[in-house]
N, C-alpha and C. Protein backbone atom coordinates (compact mmCIF):
# COMPACT_ATOMS: atom_id res chain seq x y z
N MET A 1 -10.26 -9.64 -14.83
CA MET A 1 -10.08 -8.68 -13.76
C MET A 1 -9.47 -9.37 -12.55
N LYS A 2 -8.82 -8.57 -11.74
CA LYS A 2 -8.24 -9.11 -10.51
C LYS A 2 -9.33 -9.67 -9.61
N VAL A 3 -9.00 -10.77 -8.96
CA VAL A 3 -9.93 -11.43 -8.05
C VAL A 3 -10.35 -10.47 -6.93
N GLU A 4 -9.42 -9.65 -6.43
CA GLU A 4 -9.73 -8.72 -5.34
C GLU A 4 -10.83 -7.73 -5.75
N ILE A 5 -10.77 -7.28 -6.98
CA ILE A 5 -11.79 -6.32 -7.47
C ILE A 5 -13.13 -7.02 -7.58
N LEU A 6 -13.14 -8.20 -8.17
CA LEU A 6 -14.39 -8.95 -8.31
C LEU A 6 -14.98 -9.28 -6.94
N ASN A 7 -14.14 -9.64 -5.99
CA ASN A 7 -14.62 -9.94 -4.63
C ASN A 7 -15.24 -8.70 -3.98
N ALA A 8 -14.61 -7.54 -4.18
CA ALA A 8 -15.13 -6.29 -3.61
C ALA A 8 -16.48 -5.95 -4.24
N ILE A 9 -16.61 -6.13 -5.54
CA ILE A 9 -17.89 -5.86 -6.21
C ILE A 9 -18.94 -6.87 -5.74
N ASP A 10 -18.54 -8.13 -5.61
CA ASP A 10 -19.46 -9.16 -5.12
C ASP A 10 -20.01 -8.79 -3.74
N GLU A 11 -19.14 -8.27 -2.88
CA GLU A 11 -19.58 -7.85 -1.53
C GLU A 11 -20.64 -6.76 -1.63
N GLU A 12 -20.42 -5.79 -2.51
CA GLU A 12 -21.40 -4.71 -2.69
C GLU A 12 -22.69 -5.27 -3.26
N PHE A 13 -22.57 -6.22 -4.20
CA PHE A 13 -23.75 -6.83 -4.80
C PHE A 13 -24.57 -7.57 -3.76
N VAL A 14 -23.91 -8.33 -2.89
CA VAL A 14 -24.61 -9.09 -1.85
C VAL A 14 -25.34 -8.14 -0.90
N MET A 15 -24.70 -7.02 -0.56
CA MET A 15 -25.32 -6.05 0.36
C MET A 15 -26.51 -5.33 -0.27
N CYS A 16 -26.43 -5.07 -1.60
CA CYS A 16 -27.50 -4.31 -2.24
C CYS A 16 -27.62 -4.70 -3.72
N PRO A 17 -28.22 -5.85 -4.01
CA PRO A 17 -28.34 -6.28 -5.41
C PRO A 17 -29.18 -5.31 -6.26
N GLU A 18 -30.04 -4.53 -5.59
CA GLU A 18 -30.88 -3.57 -6.33
C GLU A 18 -30.06 -2.40 -6.91
N ALA A 19 -28.79 -2.29 -6.52
CA ALA A 19 -27.92 -1.25 -7.06
C ALA A 19 -27.23 -1.70 -8.35
N PHE A 20 -27.60 -2.88 -8.84
CA PHE A 20 -27.02 -3.43 -10.06
C PHE A 20 -28.15 -3.78 -11.03
N GLY A 21 -27.86 -3.65 -12.33
CA GLY A 21 -28.88 -3.87 -13.34
C GLY A 21 -29.08 -5.31 -13.76
N GLY A 22 -28.15 -6.17 -13.42
CA GLY A 22 -28.26 -7.58 -13.81
C GLY A 22 -27.40 -7.90 -15.01
N PRO A 23 -26.88 -9.11 -15.06
CA PRO A 23 -25.94 -9.50 -16.11
C PRO A 23 -26.52 -9.43 -17.51
N LEU A 24 -25.64 -9.15 -18.46
CA LEU A 24 -26.01 -9.15 -19.88
C LEU A 24 -25.59 -10.48 -20.50
N THR A 25 -26.16 -10.79 -21.62
CA THR A 25 -25.74 -11.96 -22.39
C THR A 25 -24.64 -11.52 -23.35
N ILE A 26 -23.87 -12.48 -23.83
CA ILE A 26 -22.82 -12.16 -24.80
C ILE A 26 -23.44 -11.59 -26.07
N GLU A 27 -24.65 -12.02 -26.40
CA GLU A 27 -25.34 -11.49 -27.58
C GLU A 27 -25.65 -10.00 -27.40
N GLU A 28 -26.09 -9.62 -26.20
CA GLU A 28 -26.37 -8.21 -25.93
C GLU A 28 -25.10 -7.37 -26.01
N VAL A 29 -24.01 -7.89 -25.49
CA VAL A 29 -22.73 -7.18 -25.54
C VAL A 29 -22.27 -7.05 -27.00
N ASN A 30 -22.36 -8.12 -27.77
CA ASN A 30 -21.97 -8.08 -29.19
C ASN A 30 -22.82 -7.08 -29.96
N GLN A 31 -24.12 -7.04 -29.68
CA GLN A 31 -25.02 -6.10 -30.35
C GLN A 31 -24.63 -4.66 -30.01
N ALA A 32 -24.28 -4.41 -28.76
CA ALA A 32 -23.85 -3.07 -28.34
C ALA A 32 -22.57 -2.67 -29.08
N GLU A 33 -21.63 -3.59 -29.19
CA GLU A 33 -20.39 -3.31 -29.94
C GLU A 33 -20.70 -2.98 -31.40
N ASP A 34 -21.59 -3.75 -32.00
CA ASP A 34 -21.97 -3.50 -33.40
C ASP A 34 -22.62 -2.14 -33.55
N GLU A 35 -23.52 -1.81 -32.64
CA GLU A 35 -24.22 -0.54 -32.73
C GLU A 35 -23.27 0.65 -32.56
N LEU A 36 -22.30 0.50 -31.66
CA LEU A 36 -21.34 1.58 -31.41
C LEU A 36 -20.13 1.53 -32.34
N LYS A 37 -19.98 0.43 -33.07
CA LYS A 37 -18.85 0.23 -33.98
C LYS A 37 -17.51 0.32 -33.23
N VAL A 38 -17.47 -0.34 -32.06
CA VAL A 38 -16.25 -0.42 -31.25
C VAL A 38 -16.11 -1.83 -30.70
N LYS A 39 -14.93 -2.14 -30.24
CA LYS A 39 -14.70 -3.37 -29.48
C LYS A 39 -14.51 -2.93 -28.04
N LEU A 40 -15.36 -3.43 -27.17
CA LEU A 40 -15.28 -3.05 -25.77
C LEU A 40 -14.07 -3.70 -25.12
N PRO A 41 -13.41 -2.99 -24.20
CA PRO A 41 -12.30 -3.61 -23.47
C PRO A 41 -12.78 -4.85 -22.72
N GLU A 42 -11.93 -5.86 -22.63
CA GLU A 42 -12.30 -7.13 -22.00
C GLU A 42 -12.76 -6.95 -20.56
N ASP A 43 -12.13 -6.03 -19.79
CA ASP A 43 -12.52 -5.84 -18.40
C ASP A 43 -13.92 -5.23 -18.29
N PHE A 44 -14.28 -4.34 -19.21
CA PHE A 44 -15.63 -3.76 -19.22
C PHE A 44 -16.65 -4.83 -19.62
N LYS A 45 -16.29 -5.65 -20.63
CA LYS A 45 -17.18 -6.75 -21.04
C LYS A 45 -17.43 -7.69 -19.87
N GLU A 46 -16.38 -8.01 -19.15
CA GLU A 46 -16.51 -8.92 -18.01
C GLU A 46 -17.48 -8.36 -16.98
N PHE A 47 -17.38 -7.05 -16.72
CA PHE A 47 -18.30 -6.41 -15.79
C PHE A 47 -19.74 -6.48 -16.30
N LEU A 48 -19.93 -6.18 -17.57
CA LEU A 48 -21.28 -6.21 -18.16
C LEU A 48 -21.89 -7.61 -18.09
N LEU A 49 -21.08 -8.61 -18.38
CA LEU A 49 -21.57 -9.99 -18.38
C LEU A 49 -21.90 -10.49 -16.97
N LYS A 50 -21.19 -9.97 -15.97
CA LYS A 50 -21.41 -10.44 -14.60
C LYS A 50 -22.41 -9.59 -13.83
N TYR A 51 -22.35 -8.26 -14.00
CA TYR A 51 -23.19 -7.36 -13.19
C TYR A 51 -24.14 -6.51 -14.02
N GLY A 52 -23.82 -6.25 -15.26
CA GLY A 52 -24.67 -5.45 -16.14
C GLY A 52 -24.48 -3.96 -16.00
N SER A 53 -24.66 -3.44 -14.82
CA SER A 53 -24.49 -2.02 -14.51
C SER A 53 -24.52 -1.92 -13.00
N GLY A 54 -24.23 -0.73 -12.47
CA GLY A 54 -24.40 -0.59 -11.03
C GLY A 54 -23.44 0.32 -10.33
N ALA A 55 -23.66 0.42 -9.02
CA ALA A 55 -22.85 1.27 -8.15
C ALA A 55 -21.70 0.45 -7.59
N VAL A 56 -20.49 0.92 -7.88
CA VAL A 56 -19.28 0.26 -7.40
C VAL A 56 -18.45 1.32 -6.68
N GLY A 57 -18.35 1.20 -5.37
CA GLY A 57 -17.63 2.23 -4.62
C GLY A 57 -18.24 3.57 -4.88
N GLU A 58 -17.43 4.52 -5.34
CA GLU A 58 -17.95 5.85 -5.63
C GLU A 58 -18.29 6.06 -7.10
N ALA A 59 -18.35 4.99 -7.88
CA ALA A 59 -18.67 5.09 -9.31
C ALA A 59 -20.02 4.45 -9.61
N ILE A 60 -20.67 5.00 -10.61
CA ILE A 60 -21.88 4.39 -11.15
C ILE A 60 -21.55 4.00 -12.59
N VAL A 61 -21.59 2.70 -12.85
CA VAL A 61 -21.21 2.18 -14.16
C VAL A 61 -22.47 1.89 -14.96
N LEU A 62 -22.50 2.43 -16.17
CA LEU A 62 -23.64 2.23 -17.06
C LEU A 62 -23.58 0.85 -17.70
N GLY A 63 -24.76 0.33 -18.01
CA GLY A 63 -24.87 -0.95 -18.72
C GLY A 63 -25.98 -0.83 -19.74
N LEU A 64 -26.81 -1.84 -19.84
CA LEU A 64 -27.97 -1.78 -20.73
C LEU A 64 -29.28 -1.86 -19.96
N LYS A 65 -29.21 -2.40 -18.74
CA LYS A 65 -30.41 -2.56 -17.93
C LYS A 65 -30.36 -1.61 -16.74
N GLU A 66 -31.47 -0.99 -16.45
CA GLU A 66 -31.56 -0.03 -15.35
C GLU A 66 -31.55 -0.75 -14.00
N ALA A 67 -30.70 -0.27 -13.09
CA ALA A 67 -30.71 -0.79 -11.72
C ALA A 67 -31.90 -0.18 -10.98
N GLU A 68 -32.43 -0.89 -10.02
CA GLU A 68 -33.60 -0.42 -9.30
C GLU A 68 -33.32 0.81 -8.44
N PHE A 69 -32.18 0.82 -7.74
CA PHE A 69 -31.87 1.90 -6.79
C PHE A 69 -30.94 2.98 -7.34
N VAL A 70 -30.36 2.78 -8.52
CA VAL A 70 -29.36 3.70 -9.06
C VAL A 70 -29.69 3.97 -10.52
N ALA A 71 -29.59 5.22 -10.94
CA ALA A 71 -29.84 5.56 -12.35
C ALA A 71 -28.69 5.03 -13.20
N THR A 72 -28.99 4.04 -14.02
CA THR A 72 -27.98 3.46 -14.90
C THR A 72 -28.55 3.34 -16.32
N PRO A 73 -28.64 4.48 -17.00
CA PRO A 73 -29.16 4.43 -18.38
C PRO A 73 -28.25 3.62 -19.29
N SER A 74 -28.72 3.34 -20.47
CA SER A 74 -27.98 2.54 -21.45
C SER A 74 -26.68 3.24 -21.85
N PHE A 75 -25.58 2.50 -21.77
CA PHE A 75 -24.30 3.08 -22.19
C PHE A 75 -24.28 3.28 -23.70
N VAL A 76 -25.06 2.51 -24.44
CA VAL A 76 -25.13 2.69 -25.89
C VAL A 76 -25.81 4.03 -26.20
N GLU A 77 -26.97 4.25 -25.61
CA GLU A 77 -27.69 5.52 -25.83
C GLU A 77 -26.85 6.71 -25.41
N LYS A 78 -26.23 6.63 -24.23
CA LYS A 78 -25.42 7.75 -23.73
C LYS A 78 -24.19 7.98 -24.61
N SER A 79 -23.59 6.90 -25.09
CA SER A 79 -22.42 7.03 -25.97
C SER A 79 -22.81 7.76 -27.26
N LEU A 80 -23.92 7.34 -27.87
CA LEU A 80 -24.38 7.98 -29.11
C LEU A 80 -24.73 9.45 -28.87
N HIS A 81 -25.33 9.75 -27.72
CA HIS A 81 -25.64 11.14 -27.38
C HIS A 81 -24.36 11.97 -27.25
N PHE A 82 -23.41 11.47 -26.46
CA PHE A 82 -22.19 12.25 -26.23
C PHE A 82 -21.36 12.40 -27.50
N ARG A 83 -21.40 11.43 -28.39
CA ARG A 83 -20.67 11.55 -29.65
C ARG A 83 -21.17 12.74 -30.46
N LYS A 84 -22.43 13.10 -30.29
CA LYS A 84 -23.01 14.23 -31.02
C LYS A 84 -22.60 15.58 -30.42
N VAL A 85 -22.35 15.62 -29.11
CA VAL A 85 -22.10 16.90 -28.44
C VAL A 85 -20.64 17.14 -28.08
N LEU A 86 -19.82 16.10 -28.14
CA LEU A 86 -18.40 16.27 -27.84
C LEU A 86 -17.67 16.79 -29.08
N PRO A 87 -16.51 17.43 -28.90
CA PRO A 87 -15.79 17.98 -30.05
C PRO A 87 -15.20 16.89 -30.96
N LYS A 88 -14.66 17.34 -32.07
CA LYS A 88 -14.00 16.45 -33.04
C LYS A 88 -12.95 15.62 -32.30
N GLY A 89 -12.85 14.34 -32.67
CA GLY A 89 -11.91 13.44 -32.03
C GLY A 89 -12.59 12.48 -31.05
N TYR A 90 -13.89 12.71 -30.82
CA TYR A 90 -14.64 11.87 -29.88
C TYR A 90 -15.67 10.99 -30.60
N GLU A 91 -15.47 10.77 -31.90
CA GLU A 91 -16.42 10.00 -32.69
C GLU A 91 -16.56 8.55 -32.21
N ASN A 92 -15.55 8.02 -31.56
CA ASN A 92 -15.58 6.65 -31.05
C ASN A 92 -15.66 6.61 -29.53
N PHE A 93 -16.16 7.69 -28.94
CA PHE A 93 -16.28 7.74 -27.48
C PHE A 93 -17.35 6.75 -27.02
N THR A 94 -17.03 6.01 -25.97
CA THR A 94 -17.98 5.08 -25.36
C THR A 94 -18.13 5.44 -23.90
N ALA A 95 -19.34 5.79 -23.50
CA ALA A 95 -19.62 6.23 -22.13
C ALA A 95 -19.79 5.03 -21.20
N ILE A 96 -19.09 5.09 -20.07
CA ILE A 96 -19.29 4.07 -19.03
C ILE A 96 -19.93 4.69 -17.79
N GLY A 97 -20.02 6.02 -17.77
CA GLY A 97 -20.59 6.72 -16.63
C GLY A 97 -20.78 8.19 -16.92
N ILE A 98 -21.40 8.87 -15.97
CA ILE A 98 -21.63 10.31 -16.06
C ILE A 98 -21.42 10.85 -14.65
N ASP A 99 -20.62 11.92 -14.53
CA ASP A 99 -20.39 12.46 -13.19
C ASP A 99 -21.57 13.34 -12.77
N GLY A 100 -21.52 13.85 -11.55
CA GLY A 100 -22.62 14.63 -11.00
C GLY A 100 -22.90 15.93 -11.73
N ALA A 101 -21.93 16.41 -12.51
CA ALA A 101 -22.11 17.64 -13.28
C ALA A 101 -22.58 17.36 -14.71
N GLY A 102 -22.82 16.09 -15.02
CA GLY A 102 -23.28 15.73 -16.37
C GLY A 102 -22.17 15.49 -17.36
N ASN A 103 -20.93 15.45 -16.89
CA ASN A 103 -19.79 15.19 -17.77
C ASN A 103 -19.64 13.69 -18.02
N PRO A 104 -19.34 13.32 -19.27
CA PRO A 104 -19.21 11.90 -19.59
C PRO A 104 -17.90 11.30 -19.09
N ILE A 105 -17.97 10.04 -18.72
CA ILE A 105 -16.82 9.25 -18.33
C ILE A 105 -16.79 8.07 -19.27
N GLY A 106 -15.64 7.77 -19.85
CA GLY A 106 -15.57 6.64 -20.76
C GLY A 106 -14.22 6.52 -21.42
N PHE A 107 -14.20 5.92 -22.61
CA PHE A 107 -12.96 5.73 -23.35
C PHE A 107 -13.21 6.07 -24.81
N ILE A 108 -12.12 6.38 -25.52
CA ILE A 108 -12.20 6.67 -26.95
C ILE A 108 -11.53 5.51 -27.67
N TYR A 109 -12.37 4.65 -28.26
CA TYR A 109 -11.87 3.47 -28.97
C TYR A 109 -10.91 3.90 -30.06
N PRO A 110 -9.76 3.24 -30.25
CA PRO A 110 -9.33 1.97 -29.69
C PRO A 110 -8.59 2.07 -28.35
N GLU A 111 -8.42 3.28 -27.83
CA GLU A 111 -7.76 3.44 -26.52
C GLU A 111 -8.65 2.84 -25.43
N THR A 112 -8.05 2.44 -24.33
CA THR A 112 -8.83 1.87 -23.23
C THR A 112 -8.69 2.66 -21.94
N GLU A 113 -7.90 3.76 -21.96
CA GLU A 113 -7.81 4.56 -20.74
C GLU A 113 -9.15 5.25 -20.51
N ILE A 114 -9.51 5.40 -19.23
CA ILE A 114 -10.79 6.00 -18.87
C ILE A 114 -10.57 7.49 -18.67
N ILE A 115 -11.39 8.27 -19.35
CA ILE A 115 -11.28 9.74 -19.30
C ILE A 115 -12.63 10.35 -18.90
N THR A 116 -12.56 11.61 -18.55
CA THR A 116 -13.78 12.40 -18.43
C THR A 116 -13.57 13.64 -19.28
N PHE A 117 -14.65 14.15 -19.84
CA PHE A 117 -14.61 15.40 -20.59
C PHE A 117 -15.41 16.42 -19.80
N ASP A 118 -14.75 17.49 -19.39
CA ASP A 118 -15.39 18.53 -18.58
C ASP A 118 -15.97 19.59 -19.51
N PHE A 119 -17.30 19.66 -19.59
CA PHE A 119 -17.95 20.64 -20.46
C PHE A 119 -17.69 22.08 -20.00
N ASN A 120 -17.52 22.30 -18.70
CA ASN A 120 -17.28 23.65 -18.20
C ASN A 120 -15.92 24.18 -18.63
N PHE A 121 -14.90 23.31 -18.61
CA PHE A 121 -13.55 23.74 -18.93
C PHE A 121 -13.11 23.31 -20.31
N GLY A 122 -13.92 22.49 -20.96
CA GLY A 122 -13.64 22.11 -22.35
C GLY A 122 -12.42 21.23 -22.53
N GLY A 123 -12.18 20.33 -21.62
CA GLY A 123 -11.02 19.47 -21.79
C GLY A 123 -11.20 18.10 -21.19
N LYS A 124 -10.30 17.21 -21.58
CA LYS A 124 -10.36 15.84 -21.06
C LYS A 124 -9.33 15.64 -19.97
N GLU A 125 -9.67 14.74 -19.08
CA GLU A 125 -8.75 14.35 -18.00
C GLU A 125 -8.72 12.84 -17.96
N ILE A 126 -7.53 12.28 -17.90
CA ILE A 126 -7.38 10.83 -17.77
C ILE A 126 -7.63 10.47 -16.31
N ILE A 127 -8.57 9.56 -16.09
CA ILE A 127 -8.93 9.14 -14.74
C ILE A 127 -8.20 7.86 -14.35
N ALA A 128 -8.07 6.92 -15.29
CA ALA A 128 -7.45 5.63 -14.99
C ALA A 128 -6.91 5.02 -16.28
N GLU A 129 -5.92 4.15 -16.12
CA GLU A 129 -5.29 3.51 -17.28
C GLU A 129 -6.21 2.51 -17.97
N SER A 130 -7.21 2.01 -17.24
CA SER A 130 -8.11 0.99 -17.78
C SER A 130 -9.39 0.99 -16.95
N PHE A 131 -10.40 0.24 -17.43
CA PHE A 131 -11.64 0.11 -16.69
C PHE A 131 -11.39 -0.58 -15.35
N GLU A 132 -10.54 -1.60 -15.35
CA GLU A 132 -10.21 -2.30 -14.11
C GLU A 132 -9.60 -1.34 -13.09
N LYS A 133 -8.67 -0.48 -13.54
CA LYS A 133 -8.05 0.50 -12.63
C LYS A 133 -9.09 1.52 -12.16
N TYR A 134 -10.03 1.86 -13.04
CA TYR A 134 -11.12 2.77 -12.68
C TYR A 134 -11.95 2.17 -11.54
N LEU A 135 -12.31 0.89 -11.68
CA LEU A 135 -13.07 0.22 -10.63
C LEU A 135 -12.27 0.15 -9.33
N GLU A 136 -10.99 -0.13 -9.45
CA GLU A 136 -10.12 -0.20 -8.27
C GLU A 136 -10.12 1.14 -7.53
N LYS A 137 -9.98 2.23 -8.28
CA LYS A 137 -10.01 3.56 -7.67
C LYS A 137 -11.38 3.86 -7.06
N ALA A 138 -12.44 3.43 -7.75
CA ALA A 138 -13.80 3.65 -7.25
C ALA A 138 -14.02 2.94 -5.93
N ILE A 139 -13.54 1.71 -5.83
CA ILE A 139 -13.69 0.92 -4.61
C ILE A 139 -12.91 1.57 -3.46
N ARG A 140 -11.74 2.09 -3.78
CA ARG A 140 -10.90 2.75 -2.77
C ARG A 140 -11.33 4.20 -2.50
N GLU A 141 -12.34 4.65 -3.24
CA GLU A 141 -12.84 6.02 -3.17
C GLU A 141 -11.74 7.04 -3.44
N GLU A 142 -11.02 6.79 -4.53
CA GLU A 142 -9.92 7.66 -4.96
C GLU A 142 -10.27 8.47 -6.21
N LEU A 143 -11.50 8.39 -6.67
CA LEU A 143 -11.88 9.11 -7.89
C LEU A 143 -12.19 10.58 -7.63
N ASN A 144 -12.63 10.88 -6.43
CA ASN A 144 -13.03 12.25 -6.06
C ASN A 144 -14.10 12.79 -7.00
N MET A 145 -15.05 11.91 -7.33
CA MET A 145 -16.18 12.31 -8.19
C MET A 145 -17.41 12.42 -7.33
N HIS A 146 -18.26 13.33 -7.72
CA HIS A 146 -19.51 13.52 -6.97
C HIS A 146 -20.67 13.22 -7.90
N PHE A 147 -21.48 12.25 -7.49
CA PHE A 147 -22.63 11.85 -8.31
C PHE A 147 -23.91 12.33 -7.67
């Protein structure tokens, strides 16, 4: 990931470490990939290994460990849940977040673009070209999401 993005996340972490779930081990990340039968994008893996989960700008990123101040349920559990309720074509969906209306945010493996699926309107919207771009937009508060 770009140094500027990592520095911005580091600043947020220093101000409020309780908004992050804590770093994962490579073994935990590998186990999550095995359970979901996907390969996680390198930028998402990097985030998981360094921060685990947490609030970044206007986004809440799921991990495996719950943050103290922010609801960050397991992305594995949420991914498996959404795979059951999303339409055909989302069998490899991996959730990285949930918006304020309960819509999933994530990617459909092997693609790495970040999308949301709107249950009210029944369609997907591309939010960012990658997880790194998603974080960049979140830091700049350009996502226009309400949590």
